Amino acid sequence: MTAPGAAPTPSAAASAGPRVARYAGLAGAVLLTIAGRAGGALPDAPLGATPASIWRSPDGPATLTCWLVGTALLVGAWWSLRAGAPSGRWAYATAGLWTLPLLVAPPLGSRDVYSYACQGWTYAHGVDPYAVGVAAAGCPWLDSVAPIWRDTPAPYGPVFVLLAALAVSLGGGLTGTIVLLRVIAVAGLLLAALCLPGLARAAGVPTRRAAWLALAAPLVGVHLVAGAHNDAVMLGLLLCGLLVVLRRPGRPVALLLGGVLLGLAVTVKASAVVVVPFAALAAVHGRYTVRALLRDGGWVARGLLAALLGTSALSGLGFGWVAGLTRSGDSEQWTSPPTAVGFVVDYAGALLGRKPDAVPVTRAAALLLLAGVLVVLWWRAWRALRGLNEVRHRVTRIEALRPRAALYGAGLALAATVVLSPVFHPWYATWPLALLALTTTRTTWFVLPAAAAAFLALPDGTNLARVTKAPGALAMTALLLFLLYASRHGRASRAARTQPTSGARLDDHEAGG
């Protein structure tokens, strides 16, 4: 027993850190819920508010203070254990504890859930949500939808439109619909949570770290749970499909099922499609050859195609949802790096008396770059896995390297998609978070942006990027230039060193490089 006034033992000090983090995060979640009750994205909340107008409202100072302090507590608690929670069970229990207050909060950080409700209402009343916006369809809850999305066709796949219509049919009104949409989001998150331990074991990483980073992230509680974003459903189906493929490589029935689950993820949000080529790599059993890839990866592709065709036919909407994807970029914010660069070019042109209108150009260039990056990432993963054919007898834990290479490539593909897409919203950072948590030991490079993104939105859905357009665009462009310089400098330094052997490269990959 420690004497009064004596310094705590190292074990006691070590256990105090996680305990403080747990209850600091819980306090943060409670403060966010209080802020939501006072100034969340309620149906009758005024639209087009700014931080200044919120501050001038009667409860504004208290609302913003609770929101900022609560966010800081949640982010700080999550960041403090980024190397891993004490145990997997502790990570799950703490993430669940933080979620409890947010389950009873009003919609937070975004008004998208009202768009979901109106798109579900549109379909439930026999109107094609991919042909018209919710305003033209006559949705009775139109006043709660953000103005920018009222005339925009649904940018989501048929599976989510069917789920939203089911919520409308069973909800009996706007409140019931929102509650059911949150239940659907929580179900997707629970599916992801169930799959994480199996994926962690397959990749040879501790569940306590993967679960903590993927489930306790503030973006998850605020935007996927309280905000009821459909990204939770996409992630649940995505992780489930990958787990099925990894557990039964080379088994046609399992690979077909895995492909179907991945296809369902794509028909919630199309961004999930970038993971499919890496799932095909994970499907290969035995030696990595082109023939084996076509054989085993082909079953995943068949499952994907079956899901796309089946859900499009079941909804009766065909592939009209593909055209709806082009409208998701109607919003222009500097948080998207390509959009920020376009803003800066436009500012420079204005100084010269010109109007370049560069945003569409930089966005198109970024999409072309993304296509090239995805090809390079897949090719690197394929070469790394092909290298296992030659060094199998020299590398330990070979079975963990195979799935980790595929999952790491998939995580990088999602990260590249987030960075190079025309639009970035804070909850997009949750896409690569889970896969990168499963594959890399160096976490700061992807945890830090996710932590920063947690501060971008206010409780009523006001995005701070809207009121920081010019300085934000300049800062983002400067950051990109710095990262480009650092990357080129780093490559030059590595080129000056002795080139590693193929076995050393695999060891680097095993360490998360």
Protein backbone atom coordinates (compact mmCIF):
# COMPACT_ATOMS: atom_id res chain seq x y z
CA MET A 1 0.00 0.00 0.00
CA THR A 2 1.25 3.46 -0.87
CA ALA A 3 1.83 5.65 2.18
CA PRO A 4 -0.03 8.97 2.38
CA GLY A 5 1.84 11.66 0.51
CA ALA A 6 4.10 9.13 -1.23
CA ALA A 7 4.53 9.19 -4.99
CA PRO A 8 2.34 6.70 -6.81
CA THR A 9 3.95 3.52 -8.09
CA PRO A 10 4.66 3.30 -11.81
CA SER A 11 1.79 0.81 -12.27
CA ALA A 12 -0.63 3.11 -10.45
CA ALA A 13 0.47 6.08 -12.55
CA ALA A 14 0.10 4.02 -15.70
CA SER A 15 -3.44 2.97 -14.82
CA ALA A 16 -4.42 6.52 -13.87
CA GLY A 17 -3.81 7.81 -17.41
CA PRO A 18 -6.45 5.64 -19.13
CA ARG A 19 -8.89 6.24 -16.28
CA VAL A 20 -8.51 10.02 -16.63
CA ALA A 21 -8.90 9.71 -20.41
CA ARG A 22 -12.06 7.64 -20.05
CA TYR A 23 -13.88 10.11 -17.83
CA ALA A 24 -12.51 13.19 -19.57
CA GLY A 25 -13.96 11.84 -22.82
CA LEU A 26 -17.26 11.06 -21.11
CA ALA A 27 -17.41 14.62 -19.78
CA GLY A 28 -16.73 15.86 -23.29
CA ALA A 29 -19.58 13.75 -24.73
CA VAL A 30 -21.96 15.08 -22.06
CA LEU A 31 -20.97 18.68 -22.87
CA LEU A 32 -21.55 18.06 -26.57
CA THR A 33 -25.00 16.68 -25.81
CA ILE A 34 -25.81 19.74 -23.71
CA ALA A 35 -24.61 21.99 -26.53
CA GLY A 36 -26.78 20.04 -28.94
CA ARG A 37 -29.85 20.48 -26.75
CA ALA A 38 -29.29 24.23 -26.73
CA GLY A 39 -28.13 24.79 -30.30
CA GLY A 40 -27.96 21.55 -32.28
CA ALA A 41 -29.24 20.88 -35.80
CA LEU A 42 -32.87 20.92 -34.71
CA PRO A 43 -35.60 20.93 -37.40
CA ASP A 44 -36.68 24.49 -36.61
CA ALA A 45 -33.18 25.90 -36.05
CA PRO A 46 -32.38 28.95 -38.22
CA LEU A 47 -30.41 28.06 -41.35
CA GLY A 48 -27.41 29.97 -42.63
CA ALA A 49 -26.14 30.84 -39.16
CA THR A 50 -22.55 31.92 -38.55
CA PRO A 51 -20.42 31.62 -35.39
CA ALA A 52 -20.98 35.35 -34.79
CA SER A 53 -24.77 35.06 -35.05
CA ILE A 54 -24.79 31.99 -32.83
CA TRP A 55 -22.69 33.85 -30.24
CA ARG A 56 -25.15 36.75 -30.22
CA SER A 57 -28.13 34.49 -29.57
CA PRO A 58 -29.38 34.22 -25.93
CA ASP A 59 -27.77 30.83 -25.30
CA GLY A 60 -24.98 31.30 -27.84
CA PRO A 61 -21.99 31.83 -25.54
CA ALA A 62 -22.92 28.84 -23.35
CA THR A 63 -23.61 26.65 -26.41
CA LEU A 64 -20.33 27.43 -28.16
CA THR A 65 -18.35 27.10 -24.91
CA CYS A 66 -19.85 23.68 -24.16
CA TRP A 67 -19.23 22.58 -27.75
CA LEU A 68 -15.61 23.67 -27.95
CA VAL A 69 -14.67 22.42 -24.47
CA GLY A 70 -16.48 19.14 -25.06
CA THR A 71 -14.76 18.63 -28.41
CA ALA A 72 -11.37 19.43 -26.87
CA LEU A 73 -11.94 16.91 -24.06
CA LEU A 74 -12.99 14.16 -26.46
CA VAL A 75 -10.13 14.82 -28.87
CA GLY A 76 -7.58 15.06 -26.06
CA ALA A 77 -8.73 11.82 -24.45
CA TRP A 78 -8.67 9.97 -27.77
CA TRP A 79 -5.28 11.39 -28.71
CA SER A 80 -3.70 10.49 -25.36
CA LEU A 81 -4.23 6.76 -26.00
CA ARG A 82 -3.48 6.71 -29.73
CA ALA A 83 -0.81 4.05 -29.12
CA GLY A 84 -3.53 1.75 -27.81
CA ALA A 85 -6.01 1.33 -24.97
CA PRO A 86 -5.12 -0.91 -22.00
CA SER A 87 -7.10 -3.77 -23.56
CA GLY A 88 -9.55 -4.46 -26.33
CA ARG A 89 -12.41 -4.86 -23.85
CA TRP A 90 -11.49 -1.53 -22.22
CA ALA A 91 -11.47 0.18 -25.63
CA TYR A 92 -14.92 -1.17 -26.51
CA ALA A 93 -16.36 -0.28 -23.10
CA THR A 94 -14.99 3.25 -23.22
CA ALA A 95 -16.12 3.90 -26.80
CA GLY A 96 -19.58 2.67 -25.81
CA LEU A 97 -19.59 4.85 -22.70
CA TRP A 98 -18.77 7.94 -24.76
CA THR A 99 -21.55 7.06 -27.21
CA LEU A 100 -24.33 6.85 -24.61
CA PRO A 101 -24.91 10.61 -24.14
CA LEU A 102 -24.73 11.18 -27.89
CA LEU A 103 -27.48 8.63 -28.51
CA VAL A 104 -29.99 10.99 -26.92
CA ALA A 105 -28.58 14.18 -28.43
CA PRO A 106 -30.36 15.94 -31.31
CA PRO A 107 -28.61 15.76 -34.71
CA LEU A 108 -25.16 17.29 -34.32
CA GLY A 109 -22.63 18.83 -36.67
CA SER A 110 -24.68 18.52 -39.85
CA ARG A 111 -28.21 18.67 -41.26
CA ASP A 112 -27.65 15.77 -43.68
CA VAL A 113 -29.98 13.47 -41.74
CA TYR A 114 -32.90 15.68 -42.84
CA SER A 115 -31.80 15.25 -46.45
CA TYR A 116 -31.81 11.48 -45.88
CA ALA A 117 -35.33 11.70 -44.47
CA CYS A 118 -36.62 13.70 -47.43
CA GLN A 119 -34.92 11.42 -49.96
CA GLY A 120 -36.53 8.43 -48.24
CA TRP A 121 -39.89 10.25 -48.28
CA THR A 122 -39.45 10.96 -51.99
CA TYR A 123 -38.88 7.29 -52.83
CA ALA A 124 -41.62 6.08 -50.47
CA HIS A 125 -44.10 8.31 -52.30
CA GLY A 126 -43.27 6.96 -55.74
CA VAL A 127 -40.90 9.67 -56.97
CA ASP A 128 -37.44 8.92 -58.35
CA PRO A 129 -34.96 10.60 -55.92
CA TYR A 130 -32.26 10.44 -58.63
CA ALA A 131 -34.37 12.48 -61.05
CA VAL A 132 -35.50 15.40 -58.87
CA GLY A 133 -34.50 17.15 -55.69
CA VAL A 134 -36.50 16.91 -52.50
CA ALA A 135 -38.03 20.37 -53.07
CA ALA A 136 -39.58 19.35 -56.40
CA ALA A 137 -40.76 16.10 -54.85
CA GLY A 138 -42.76 18.02 -52.25
CA CYS A 139 -41.14 16.69 -49.08
CA PRO A 140 -43.10 18.06 -46.09
CA TRP A 141 -39.88 18.48 -44.08
CA LEU A 142 -38.18 20.68 -46.65
CA ASP A 143 -37.59 23.58 -44.24
CA SER A 144 -35.22 21.41 -42.17
CA VAL A 145 -33.01 20.56 -45.18
CA ALA A 146 -29.97 22.73 -45.90
CA PRO A 147 -30.78 24.99 -48.90
CA ILE A 148 -27.86 23.72 -50.99
CA TRP A 149 -29.30 20.18 -51.01
CA ARG A 150 -32.98 20.97 -51.64
CA ASP A 151 -32.72 20.87 -55.42
CA THR A 152 -30.02 18.19 -55.61
CA PRO A 153 -30.88 14.59 -56.57
CA ALA A 154 -29.82 11.91 -54.08
CA PRO A 155 -26.08 11.15 -54.36
CA TYR A 156 -26.37 7.80 -52.52
CA GLY A 157 -26.83 4.28 -53.78
CA PRO A 158 -30.12 2.33 -53.85
CA VAL A 159 -29.44 0.39 -50.64
CA PHE A 160 -29.39 3.54 -48.57
CA VAL A 161 -32.40 5.00 -50.37
CA LEU A 162 -34.30 1.81 -49.49
CA LEU A 163 -33.17 2.08 -45.85
CA ALA A 164 -34.21 5.74 -45.69
CA ALA A 165 -37.60 4.91 -47.19
CA LEU A 166 -38.03 2.13 -44.61
CA ALA A 167 -37.27 4.63 -41.83
CA VAL A 168 -39.88 7.00 -43.25
CA SER A 169 -42.49 4.25 -43.54
CA LEU A 170 -41.95 3.03 -39.96
CA GLY A 171 -41.15 6.38 -38.35
CA GLY A 172 -44.58 7.94 -38.70
CA GLY A 173 -43.16 11.47 -38.87
CA LEU A 174 -39.93 13.44 -38.92
CA THR A 175 -38.89 12.65 -35.33
CA GLY A 176 -39.53 8.93 -35.72
CA THR A 177 -37.69 8.91 -39.05
CA ILE A 178 -34.64 10.61 -37.55
CA VAL A 179 -34.61 8.14 -34.65
CA LEU A 180 -34.73 5.17 -37.03
CA LEU A 181 -32.01 6.64 -39.25
CA ARG A 182 -29.84 6.92 -36.15
CA VAL A 183 -30.65 3.29 -35.27
CA ILE A 184 -29.55 2.27 -38.78
CA ALA A 185 -26.29 4.21 -38.38
CA VAL A 186 -25.63 2.61 -34.98
CA ALA A 187 -26.31 -0.82 -36.47
CA GLY A 188 -23.68 -0.14 -39.14
CA LEU A 189 -21.22 0.95 -36.46
CA LEU A 190 -21.93 -2.17 -34.39
CA LEU A 191 -21.27 -4.32 -37.46
CA ALA A 192 -17.91 -2.57 -37.91
CA ALA A 193 -17.14 -3.11 -34.20
CA LEU A 194 -17.91 -6.84 -34.49
CA CYS A 195 -15.55 -7.20 -37.45
CA LEU A 196 -12.58 -5.27 -36.03
CA PRO A 197 -11.19 -8.05 -33.75
CA GLY A 198 -11.14 -10.58 -36.60
CA LEU A 199 -9.48 -8.14 -38.94
CA ALA A 200 -6.94 -7.20 -36.27
CA ARG A 201 -6.05 -10.86 -35.70
CA ALA A 202 -5.72 -11.44 -39.44
CA ALA A 203 -3.39 -8.45 -39.78
CA GLY A 204 -1.41 -9.32 -36.65
CA VAL A 205 -2.10 -6.06 -34.79
CA PRO A 206 -3.52 -5.59 -31.27
CA THR A 207 -7.27 -5.17 -31.10
CA ARG A 208 -6.83 -2.66 -28.27
CA ARG A 209 -5.24 -0.18 -30.68
CA ALA A 210 -7.39 -0.83 -33.72
CA ALA A 211 -10.64 -0.63 -31.76
CA TRP A 212 -9.59 2.51 -29.93
CA LEU A 213 -8.58 4.43 -33.03
CA ALA A 214 -11.55 3.31 -35.11
CA LEU A 215 -14.39 3.43 -32.57
CA ALA A 216 -13.45 6.03 -29.95
CA ALA A 217 -12.62 8.76 -32.48
CA PRO A 218 -14.67 11.92 -31.77
CA LEU A 219 -15.78 12.00 -35.41
CA VAL A 220 -17.46 8.64 -34.91
CA GLY A 221 -19.56 9.67 -31.93
CA VAL A 222 -20.47 13.14 -33.16
CA HIS A 223 -21.04 12.51 -36.86
CA LEU A 224 -21.76 8.80 -37.30
CA VAL A 225 -23.88 8.37 -34.16
CA ALA A 226 -25.36 11.78 -33.29
CA GLY A 227 -25.29 12.95 -36.91
CA ALA A 228 -26.62 9.57 -38.15
CA HIS A 229 -24.43 9.70 -41.27
CA ASN A 230 -24.73 6.80 -43.67
CA ASP A 231 -20.93 6.45 -43.65
CA ALA A 232 -21.46 4.18 -40.61
CA VAL A 233 -23.46 1.72 -42.73
CA MET A 234 -20.87 1.85 -45.50
CA LEU A 235 -18.03 1.15 -43.07
CA GLY A 236 -19.87 -1.74 -41.41
CA LEU A 237 -20.54 -3.48 -44.73
CA LEU A 238 -17.02 -2.70 -45.97
CA LEU A 239 -15.26 -4.22 -42.95
CA CYS A 240 -17.60 -7.20 -42.94
CA GLY A 241 -16.90 -7.91 -46.60
CA LEU A 242 -13.14 -7.66 -46.08
CA LEU A 243 -13.30 -9.98 -43.06
CA VAL A 244 -15.21 -12.64 -45.01
CA VAL A 245 -12.66 -12.47 -47.85
CA LEU A 246 -9.67 -12.61 -45.49
CA ARG A 247 -10.99 -15.56 -43.51
CA ARG A 248 -11.67 -17.76 -46.51
CA PRO A 249 -9.24 -16.86 -49.31
CA GLY A 250 -9.62 -19.10 -52.32
CA ARG A 251 -13.11 -20.32 -51.28
CA PRO A 252 -15.58 -19.35 -54.03
CA VAL A 253 -18.70 -19.20 -51.82
CA ALA A 254 -16.99 -17.01 -49.20
CA LEU A 255 -15.44 -14.77 -51.82
CA LEU A 256 -18.79 -14.39 -53.56
CA LEU A 257 -20.39 -13.41 -50.24
CA GLY A 258 -17.56 -10.99 -49.50
CA GLY A 259 -18.03 -9.41 -52.92
CA VAL A 260 -21.77 -9.03 -52.27
CA LEU A 261 -21.09 -7.26 -48.95
CA LEU A 262 -18.60 -4.95 -50.62
CA GLY A 263 -21.12 -4.27 -53.35
CA LEU A 264 -23.73 -3.35 -50.75
CA ALA A 265 -21.21 -0.90 -49.25
CA VAL A 266 -20.77 0.66 -52.70
CA THR A 267 -24.55 0.99 -53.07
CA VAL A 268 -24.61 3.00 -49.85
CA LYS A 269 -21.73 5.32 -50.81
CA ALA A 270 -19.86 4.81 -54.05
CA SER A 271 -16.52 5.80 -52.47
CA ALA A 272 -16.23 2.25 -51.13
CA VAL A 273 -15.47 0.98 -54.64
CA VAL A 274 -11.78 1.92 -54.30
CA VAL A 275 -11.36 -0.90 -51.76
CA VAL A 276 -12.56 -3.65 -54.11
CA PRO A 277 -9.28 -4.13 -56.07
CA PHE A 278 -7.44 -4.64 -52.79
CA ALA A 279 -10.08 -7.10 -51.61
CA ALA A 280 -9.32 -9.06 -54.79
CA LEU A 281 -5.68 -9.25 -53.65
CA ALA A 282 -6.76 -10.49 -50.22
CA ALA A 283 -8.88 -13.18 -51.90
CA VAL A 284 -5.88 -15.01 -53.42
CA HIS A 285 -5.01 -18.34 -51.85
CA GLY A 286 -1.49 -19.72 -52.20
CA ARG A 287 1.09 -18.16 -54.49
CA TYR A 288 0.39 -14.77 -55.99
CA THR A 289 0.15 -15.23 -59.74
CA VAL A 290 -1.96 -13.53 -62.38
CA ARG A 291 -3.92 -16.74 -62.82
CA ALA A 292 -4.65 -16.99 -59.09
CA LEU A 293 -5.70 -13.34 -58.99
CA LEU A 294 -8.13 -13.80 -61.89
CA ARG A 295 -9.48 -16.99 -60.34
CA ASP A 296 -10.01 -15.84 -56.76
CA GLY A 297 -10.42 -12.12 -57.33
CA GLY A 298 -12.95 -12.95 -60.01
CA TRP A 299 -15.32 -14.36 -57.39
CA VAL A 300 -15.18 -11.08 -55.48
CA ALA A 301 -15.94 -9.19 -58.70
CA ARG A 302 -18.91 -11.47 -59.39
CA GLY A 303 -20.31 -10.83 -55.92
CA LEU A 304 -19.86 -7.09 -56.38
CA LEU A 305 -21.63 -7.14 -59.74
CA ALA A 306 -24.48 -9.24 -58.32
CA ALA A 307 -25.02 -6.71 -55.52
CA LEU A 308 -25.00 -3.75 -57.92
CA LEU A 309 -27.42 -5.35 -60.36
CA GLY A 310 -29.64 -6.86 -57.67
CA THR A 311 -30.10 -3.70 -55.59
CA SER A 312 -30.59 -1.51 -58.64
CA ALA A 313 -33.31 -3.89 -59.88
CA LEU A 314 -34.89 -4.27 -56.42
CA SER A 315 -35.23 -0.53 -55.99
CA GLY A 316 -36.75 -0.15 -59.45
CA LEU A 317 -34.45 2.82 -60.04
CA GLY A 318 -31.87 1.15 -62.24
CA PHE A 319 -28.49 2.91 -62.33
CA GLY A 320 -29.86 6.42 -62.05
CA TRP A 321 -27.91 6.76 -58.80
CA VAL A 322 -24.64 6.88 -60.75
CA ALA A 323 -25.66 10.19 -62.36
CA GLY A 324 -26.54 11.56 -58.92
CA LEU A 325 -22.91 11.23 -57.87
CA THR A 326 -21.95 14.18 -60.06
CA ARG A 327 -23.95 16.58 -57.88
CA SER A 328 -22.14 15.75 -54.64
CA GLY A 329 -19.54 18.40 -55.53
CA ASP A 330 -22.00 21.29 -55.56
CA SER A 331 -20.54 22.48 -52.26
CA GLU A 332 -17.20 24.32 -52.53
CA GLN A 333 -15.02 24.47 -49.41
CA TRP A 334 -11.30 24.89 -48.84
CA THR A 335 -11.20 21.69 -46.76
CA SER A 336 -10.95 19.85 -50.08
CA PRO A 337 -7.32 20.34 -51.18
CA PRO A 338 -8.12 20.51 -54.93
CA THR A 339 -10.84 23.08 -54.24
CA ALA A 340 -8.48 25.11 -52.04
CA VAL A 341 -5.87 25.24 -54.80
CA GLY A 342 -8.57 26.37 -57.24
CA PHE A 343 -9.58 29.15 -54.85
CA VAL A 344 -5.98 30.37 -54.60
CA VAL A 345 -5.59 30.39 -58.39
CA ASP A 346 -8.80 32.40 -58.64
CA TYR A 347 -7.53 34.87 -56.01
CA ALA A 348 -4.27 35.28 -57.91
CA GLY A 349 -6.18 35.79 -61.14
CA ALA A 350 -8.38 38.44 -59.53
CA LEU A 351 -5.25 40.38 -58.55
CA LEU A 352 -4.30 40.38 -62.24
CA GLY A 353 -7.77 41.42 -63.35
CA ARG A 354 -8.76 37.96 -64.63
CA LYS A 355 -11.36 35.34 -63.69
CA PRO A 356 -9.72 31.93 -64.18
CA ASP A 357 -12.63 29.93 -62.65
CA ALA A 358 -9.98 27.37 -61.69
CA VAL A 359 -11.95 25.24 -59.21
CA PRO A 360 -13.49 22.90 -61.85
CA VAL A 361 -10.08 22.54 -63.48
CA THR A 362 -8.20 21.70 -60.27
CA ARG A 363 -10.95 19.29 -59.24
CA ALA A 364 -10.79 17.48 -62.58
CA ALA A 365 -6.99 17.33 -62.40
CA ALA A 366 -7.21 15.91 -58.86
CA LEU A 367 -9.59 13.16 -60.02
CA LEU A 368 -7.16 12.21 -62.79
CA LEU A 369 -4.36 12.20 -60.23
CA LEU A 370 -6.49 10.05 -57.92
CA ALA A 371 -6.97 7.48 -60.69
CA GLY A 372 -3.19 7.30 -61.14
CA VAL A 373 -2.54 7.10 -57.39
CA LEU A 374 -5.02 4.23 -57.01
CA VAL A 375 -3.29 2.29 -59.79
CA VAL A 376 0.13 2.88 -58.20
CA LEU A 377 -1.10 1.83 -54.74
CA TRP A 378 -2.59 -1.38 -56.13
CA TRP A 379 0.53 -2.15 -58.10
CA ARG A 380 2.73 -1.64 -55.02
CA ALA A 381 0.52 -3.95 -52.97
CA TRP A 382 0.60 -6.54 -55.75
CA ARG A 383 4.41 -6.39 -55.96
CA ALA A 384 4.74 -6.68 -52.18
CA LEU A 385 2.50 -9.75 -52.16
CA ARG A 386 4.29 -11.25 -55.15
CA GLY A 387 7.51 -10.80 -53.19
CA LEU A 388 6.16 -13.14 -50.54
CA ASN A 389 6.38 -15.98 -53.07
CA GLU A 390 10.18 -15.70 -53.05
CA VAL A 391 10.90 -14.85 -49.39
CA ARG A 392 8.31 -17.00 -47.62
CA HIS A 393 10.99 -19.13 -46.00
CA ARG A 394 12.79 -16.05 -44.61
CA VAL A 395 9.89 -13.99 -43.26
CA THR A 396 8.13 -14.81 -40.03
CA ARG A 397 4.42 -14.18 -39.49
CA ILE A 398 3.85 -14.58 -43.21
CA GLU A 399 0.12 -15.11 -42.81
CA ALA A 400 -0.22 -11.70 -41.14
CA LEU A 401 1.72 -9.97 -43.90
CA ARG A 402 -0.68 -11.10 -46.62
CA PRO A 403 -3.86 -9.49 -45.26
CA ARG A 404 -1.95 -6.51 -43.89
CA ALA A 405 -0.59 -5.63 -47.32
CA ALA A 406 -4.07 -5.68 -48.84
CA LEU A 407 -5.68 -3.78 -45.94
CA TYR A 408 -2.92 -1.18 -45.90
CA GLY A 409 -3.34 -0.57 -49.61
CA ALA A 410 -7.09 -0.25 -49.15
CA GLY A 411 -6.60 2.23 -46.30
CA LEU A 412 -4.24 4.35 -48.39
CA ALA A 413 -6.71 4.21 -51.30
CA LEU A 414 -9.47 5.57 -49.07
CA ALA A 415 -7.11 8.23 -47.69
CA ALA A 416 -6.20 9.30 -51.23
CA THR A 417 -9.89 9.41 -52.14
CA VAL A 418 -10.63 11.68 -49.18
CA VAL A 419 -7.72 14.02 -49.97
CA LEU A 420 -8.26 14.30 -53.73
CA SER A 421 -12.07 14.37 -53.86
CA PRO A 422 -13.85 17.60 -54.84
CA VAL A 423 -15.52 17.82 -51.43
CA PHE A 424 -14.37 17.05 -47.89
CA HIS A 425 -16.63 16.87 -44.85
CA PRO A 426 -15.26 16.02 -41.39
CA TRP A 427 -16.87 12.57 -41.23
CA TYR A 428 -15.06 11.54 -44.43
CA ALA A 429 -11.94 11.13 -42.29
CA THR A 430 -13.57 8.04 -40.72
CA TRP A 431 -13.28 6.14 -44.01
CA PRO A 432 -9.56 5.34 -43.92
CA LEU A 433 -9.31 5.49 -40.13
CA ALA A 434 -10.32 1.89 -39.40
CA LEU A 435 -8.17 0.29 -42.10
CA LEU A 436 -5.09 2.32 -41.27
CA ALA A 437 -5.57 1.54 -37.57
CA LEU A 438 -5.39 -2.13 -38.56
CA THR A 439 -2.18 -1.87 -40.51
CA THR A 440 0.29 0.78 -39.39
CA THR A 441 2.15 1.45 -36.16
CA ARG A 442 2.88 5.09 -37.01
CA THR A 443 -0.43 6.74 -36.29
CA THR A 444 0.16 10.48 -36.04
CA TRP A 445 -0.04 11.14 -39.78
CA PHE A 446 -3.65 9.97 -40.00
CA VAL A 447 -4.83 10.54 -36.41
CA LEU A 448 -3.85 14.22 -36.39
CA PRO A 449 -6.02 15.20 -39.41
CA ALA A 450 -8.96 13.29 -37.92
CA ALA A 451 -8.49 15.15 -34.63
CA ALA A 452 -8.31 18.51 -36.41
CA ALA A 453 -11.42 17.72 -38.47
CA ALA A 454 -13.42 17.31 -35.25
CA PHE A 455 -13.23 21.10 -34.75
CA LEU A 456 -14.58 22.06 -38.20
CA ALA A 457 -18.32 21.86 -37.47
CA LEU A 458 -20.55 23.57 -34.90
CA PRO A 459 -23.50 21.81 -33.25
CA ASP A 460 -26.14 23.27 -35.59
CA GLY A 461 -24.26 22.09 -38.69
CA THR A 462 -22.46 25.36 -39.41
CA ASN A 463 -19.18 24.49 -41.11
CA LEU A 464 -16.34 26.79 -40.08
CA ALA A 465 -14.85 26.37 -43.56
CA ARG A 466 -17.66 28.60 -44.88
CA VAL A 467 -16.50 31.59 -42.87
CA THR A 468 -12.76 31.05 -43.34
CA LYS A 469 -12.71 30.64 -47.13
CA ALA A 470 -9.73 32.82 -48.09
CA PRO A 471 -7.39 32.17 -45.14
CA GLY A 472 -8.31 28.49 -45.16
CA ALA A 473 -7.57 28.12 -48.86
CA LEU A 474 -4.21 29.87 -48.49
CA ALA A 475 -3.29 27.74 -45.47
CA MET A 476 -4.30 24.49 -47.19
CA THR A 477 -2.33 25.37 -50.33
CA ALA A 478 0.72 26.29 -48.23
CA LEU A 479 0.42 22.98 -46.39
CA LEU A 480 0.27 21.08 -49.68
CA LEU A 481 3.38 22.85 -50.95
CA PHE A 482 5.21 22.07 -47.71
CA LEU A 483 4.21 18.40 -47.87
CA LEU A 484 5.29 18.22 -51.50
CA TYR A 485 8.67 19.71 -50.63
CA ALA A 486 9.08 17.41 -47.61
CA SER A 487 8.16 14.39 -49.72
CA ARG A 488 10.66 15.25 -52.46
CA HIS A 489 13.36 15.95 -49.87
CA GLY A 490 12.61 12.66 -48.11
CA ARG A 491 12.80 10.69 -51.35
CA ALA A 492 16.13 12.30 -52.20
CA SER A 493 17.50 11.39 -48.77
CA ARG A 494 16.34 7.79 -49.07
CA ALA A 495 17.79 7.50 -52.57
CA ALA A 496 21.20 8.41 -51.16
CA ARG A 497 21.11 5.43 -48.84
CA THR A 498 21.77 1.82 -49.70
CA GLN A 499 18.77 0.25 -51.41
CA PRO A 500 17.09 -2.37 -49.16
CA THR A 501 16.70 -5.96 -50.19
CA SER A 502 13.28 -7.39 -51.00
CA GLY A 503 13.20 -9.04 -47.61
CA ALA A 504 13.94 -5.72 -45.88
CA ARG A 505 11.14 -4.05 -47.82
CA LEU A 506 8.73 -6.65 -46.52
CA ASP A 507 9.97 -6.08 -42.99
CA ASP A 508 9.29 -2.36 -43.46
CA HIS A 509 5.78 -3.15 -44.64
CA GLU A 510 5.23 -5.38 -41.64
CA ALA A 511 6.09 -2.44 -39.42
CA GLY A 512 3.41 -0.40 -41.10
CA GLY A 513 5.55 1.48 -43.58
